[in-house]
Amino acid sequence: MEIKIFIQQFEESLDGLDAGTVDEATTFKELKEWDSLAILTLTDTIDLEYGVLLKKSEIESCDSVRSLFDLVQSKA
């Protein structure tokens, strides 16, 4: 699993977010596109791509795209 691909998938999961806007240090919960639909879409993407089903609380415990990536990696 590569962080670069994960970031691309993350960006595609958030409706209205332009490609290249996010990096691994991005605090994704501060993005204006981050909402309950984004959580559902991202959860579905992670499940389909990596076979990891995350709870909302697990996603919300992460403070950056990198920490979310690390969480997914630890469960894959």
N, C-alpha and C. Protein backbone atom coordinates (compact mmCIF):
# COMPACT_ATOMS: atom_id res chain seq x y z
N MET A 1 0.84 -1.17 0.00
CA MET A 1 0.00 0.00 0.00
C MET A 1 0.90 1.24 0.00
N GLU A 2 0.58 2.16 -0.90
CA GLU A 2 1.38 3.38 -1.00
C GLU A 2 0.56 4.59 -0.57
N ILE A 3 1.19 5.48 0.14
CA ILE A 3 0.51 6.69 0.63
C ILE A 3 0.02 7.55 -0.54
N LYS A 4 0.78 7.59 -1.61
CA LYS A 4 0.41 8.40 -2.76
C LYS A 4 -0.93 7.94 -3.36
N ILE A 5 -1.09 6.63 -3.50
CA ILE A 5 -2.34 6.07 -4.03
C ILE A 5 -3.48 6.28 -3.03
N PHE A 6 -3.18 6.11 -1.74
CA PHE A 6 -4.18 6.32 -0.71
C PHE A 6 -4.69 7.76 -0.74
N ILE A 7 -3.80 8.71 -0.90
CA ILE A 7 -4.19 10.13 -0.97
C ILE A 7 -5.09 10.37 -2.17
N GLN A 8 -4.74 9.80 -3.30
CA GLN A 8 -5.56 9.94 -4.50
C GLN A 8 -6.97 9.38 -4.26
N GLN A 9 -7.06 8.22 -3.66
CA GLN A 9 -8.36 7.62 -3.35
C GLN A 9 -9.12 8.46 -2.33
N PHE A 10 -8.41 9.01 -1.37
CA PHE A 10 -9.02 9.90 -0.38
C PHE A 10 -9.64 11.10 -1.07
N GLU A 11 -8.88 11.74 -1.95
CA GLU A 11 -9.37 12.93 -2.66
C GLU A 11 -10.59 12.59 -3.51
N GLU A 12 -10.59 11.45 -4.15
CA GLU A 12 -11.71 11.04 -4.99
C GLU A 12 -12.96 10.75 -4.15
N SER A 13 -12.78 10.41 -2.90
CA SER A 13 -13.90 10.09 -2.02
C SER A 13 -14.64 11.32 -1.52
N LEU A 14 -13.99 12.47 -1.53
CA LEU A 14 -14.60 13.69 -1.02
C LEU A 14 -15.15 14.51 -2.17
N ASP A 15 -16.46 14.60 -2.24
CA ASP A 15 -17.14 15.32 -3.30
C ASP A 15 -16.75 16.80 -3.29
N GLY A 16 -16.28 17.29 -4.43
CA GLY A 16 -15.93 18.70 -4.55
C GLY A 16 -14.49 19.02 -4.23
N LEU A 17 -13.72 18.04 -3.83
CA LEU A 17 -12.31 18.27 -3.49
C LEU A 17 -11.45 18.11 -4.74
N ASP A 18 -10.65 19.11 -5.02
CA ASP A 18 -9.79 19.07 -6.20
C ASP A 18 -8.59 18.16 -5.98
N ALA A 19 -8.20 17.47 -7.04
CA ALA A 19 -7.02 16.60 -6.99
C ALA A 19 -5.79 17.45 -6.68
N GLY A 20 -4.90 16.90 -5.88
CA GLY A 20 -3.67 17.60 -5.52
C GLY A 20 -3.83 18.55 -4.34
N THR A 21 -4.99 18.56 -3.72
CA THR A 21 -5.26 19.46 -2.60
C THR A 21 -4.75 18.91 -1.28
N VAL A 22 -4.67 17.58 -1.19
CA VAL A 22 -4.37 16.91 0.07
C VAL A 22 -2.97 16.32 0.03
N ASP A 23 -2.28 16.37 1.17
CA ASP A 23 -1.03 15.63 1.32
C ASP A 23 -1.12 14.86 2.63
N GLU A 24 -0.09 14.14 2.98
CA GLU A 24 -0.19 13.27 4.15
C GLU A 24 -0.31 14.03 5.46
N ALA A 25 0.07 15.29 5.49
CA ALA A 25 -0.03 16.08 6.72
C ALA A 25 -1.37 16.82 6.85
N THR A 26 -2.21 16.72 5.84
CA THR A 26 -3.49 17.42 5.86
C THR A 26 -4.37 16.95 7.02
N THR A 27 -4.89 17.91 7.76
CA THR A 27 -5.85 17.63 8.81
C THR A 27 -7.21 17.58 8.12
N PHE A 28 -7.61 16.38 7.72
CA PHE A 28 -8.77 16.23 6.85
C PHE A 28 -10.09 16.67 7.48
N LYS A 29 -10.18 16.61 8.80
CA LYS A 29 -11.43 17.00 9.45
C LYS A 29 -11.67 18.51 9.35
N GLU A 30 -10.67 19.27 8.96
CA GLU A 30 -10.81 20.71 8.80
C GLU A 30 -11.18 21.11 7.37
N LEU A 31 -11.22 20.14 6.46
CA LEU A 31 -11.59 20.43 5.08
C LEU A 31 -13.08 20.75 5.01
N LYS A 32 -13.45 21.73 4.21
CA LYS A 32 -14.87 22.08 4.11
C LYS A 32 -15.69 20.96 3.48
N GLU A 33 -15.05 20.06 2.73
CA GLU A 33 -15.73 18.94 2.10
C GLU A 33 -15.96 17.77 3.06
N TRP A 34 -15.37 17.85 4.26
CA TRP A 34 -15.48 16.76 5.23
C TRP A 34 -16.82 16.84 5.93
N ASP A 35 -17.66 15.84 5.71
CA ASP A 35 -18.97 15.77 6.34
C ASP A 35 -19.37 14.31 6.51
N SER A 36 -20.59 14.06 6.94
CA SER A 36 -21.01 12.68 7.20
C SER A 36 -21.02 11.84 5.93
N LEU A 37 -21.36 12.44 4.79
CA LEU A 37 -21.32 11.70 3.53
C LEU A 37 -19.89 11.33 3.17
N ALA A 38 -18.95 12.22 3.43
CA ALA A 38 -17.54 11.93 3.16
C ALA A 38 -17.06 10.75 4.00
N ILE A 39 -17.49 10.67 5.24
CA ILE A 39 -17.12 9.54 6.11
C ILE A 39 -17.64 8.23 5.52
N LEU A 40 -18.89 8.23 5.10
CA LEU A 40 -19.48 7.02 4.52
C LEU A 40 -18.77 6.61 3.23
N THR A 41 -18.52 7.58 2.38
CA THR A 41 -17.86 7.30 1.10
C THR A 41 -16.44 6.80 1.33
N LEU A 42 -15.72 7.44 2.23
CA LEU A 42 -14.35 7.03 2.52
C LEU A 42 -14.32 5.64 3.15
N THR A 43 -15.23 5.37 4.06
CA THR A 43 -15.30 4.05 4.68
C THR A 43 -15.53 2.98 3.62
N ASP A 44 -16.42 3.25 2.69
CA ASP A 44 -16.71 2.31 1.61
C ASP A 44 -15.49 2.11 0.71
N THR A 45 -14.82 3.19 0.37
CA THR A 45 -13.61 3.12 -0.47
C THR A 45 -12.53 2.28 0.20
N ILE A 46 -12.29 2.52 1.48
CA ILE A 46 -11.27 1.77 2.22
C ILE A 46 -11.63 0.29 2.30
N ASP A 47 -12.91 0.01 2.51
CA ASP A 47 -13.36 -1.38 2.56
C ASP A 47 -13.14 -2.07 1.21
N LEU A 48 -13.53 -1.41 0.13
CA LEU A 48 -13.39 -2.00 -1.20
C LEU A 48 -11.93 -2.16 -1.63
N GLU A 49 -11.13 -1.15 -1.38
CA GLU A 49 -9.74 -1.15 -1.85
C GLU A 49 -8.80 -1.97 -0.98
N TYR A 50 -9.04 -1.98 0.33
CA TYR A 50 -8.08 -2.59 1.25
C TYR A 50 -8.67 -3.71 2.11
N GLY A 51 -9.99 -3.91 2.01
CA GLY A 51 -10.62 -4.94 2.81
C GLY A 51 -10.64 -4.63 4.30
N VAL A 52 -10.64 -3.36 4.62
CA VAL A 52 -10.62 -2.92 6.01
C VAL A 52 -11.89 -2.10 6.28
N LEU A 53 -12.67 -2.54 7.25
CA LEU A 53 -13.87 -1.82 7.61
C LEU A 53 -13.60 -1.02 8.88
N LEU A 54 -13.61 0.30 8.73
CA LEU A 54 -13.33 1.18 9.86
C LEU A 54 -14.63 1.71 10.45
N LYS A 55 -14.63 1.89 11.75
CA LYS A 55 -15.75 2.53 12.43
C LYS A 55 -15.56 4.04 12.33
N LYS A 56 -16.66 4.76 12.42
CA LYS A 56 -16.61 6.21 12.38
C LYS A 56 -15.68 6.75 13.46
N SER A 57 -15.75 6.17 14.64
CA SER A 57 -14.92 6.63 15.76
C SER A 57 -13.43 6.43 15.47
N GLU A 58 -13.09 5.37 14.73
CA GLU A 58 -11.69 5.12 14.38
C GLU A 58 -11.20 6.19 13.41
N ILE A 59 -12.03 6.52 12.44
CA ILE A 59 -11.66 7.57 11.48
C ILE A 59 -11.50 8.90 12.20
N GLU A 60 -12.44 9.20 13.08
CA GLU A 60 -12.40 10.47 13.79
C GLU A 60 -11.25 10.56 14.79
N SER A 61 -10.68 9.42 15.18
CA SER A 61 -9.54 9.45 16.09
C SER A 61 -8.25 9.85 15.38
N CYS A 62 -8.27 9.82 14.06
CA CYS A 62 -7.09 10.21 13.27
C CYS A 62 -7.09 11.72 13.08
N ASP A 63 -5.90 12.30 13.07
CA ASP A 63 -5.82 13.74 12.92
C ASP A 63 -5.19 14.20 11.60
N SER A 64 -4.73 13.26 10.80
CA SER A 64 -4.16 13.61 9.51
C SER A 64 -4.39 12.46 8.53
N VAL A 65 -4.19 12.74 7.27
CA VAL A 65 -4.31 11.69 6.26
C VAL A 65 -3.29 10.60 6.54
N ARG A 66 -2.11 10.98 6.99
CA ARG A 66 -1.07 9.99 7.30
C ARG A 66 -1.50 9.06 8.45
N SER A 67 -2.09 9.62 9.49
CA SER A 67 -2.51 8.77 10.60
C SER A 67 -3.65 7.84 10.18
N LEU A 68 -4.52 8.31 9.28
CA LEU A 68 -5.56 7.45 8.74
C LEU A 68 -4.95 6.33 7.90
N PHE A 69 -3.99 6.67 7.08
CA PHE A 69 -3.26 5.69 6.27
C PHE A 69 -2.61 4.64 7.17
N ASP A 70 -1.94 5.08 8.23
CA ASP A 70 -1.28 4.16 9.16
C ASP A 70 -2.30 3.23 9.83
N LEU A 71 -3.48 3.76 10.17
CA LEU A 71 -4.53 2.95 10.77
C LEU A 71 -4.97 1.85 9.79
N VAL A 72 -5.22 2.24 8.55
CA VAL A 72 -5.66 1.27 7.55
C VAL A 72 -4.58 0.20 7.35
N GLN A 73 -3.33 0.64 7.28
CA GLN A 73 -2.22 -0.31 7.11
C GLN A 73 -2.14 -1.29 8.27
N SER A 74 -2.38 -0.81 9.47
CA SER A 74 -2.28 -1.68 10.65
C SER A 74 -3.38 -2.74 10.68
N LYS A 75 -4.48 -2.48 9.97
CA LYS A 75 -5.60 -3.41 9.97
C LYS A 75 -5.66 -4.26 8.71
N ALA A 76 -4.85 -3.93 7.71
CA ALA A 76 -4.88 -4.68 6.43
C ALA A 76 -4.17 -6.00 6.55
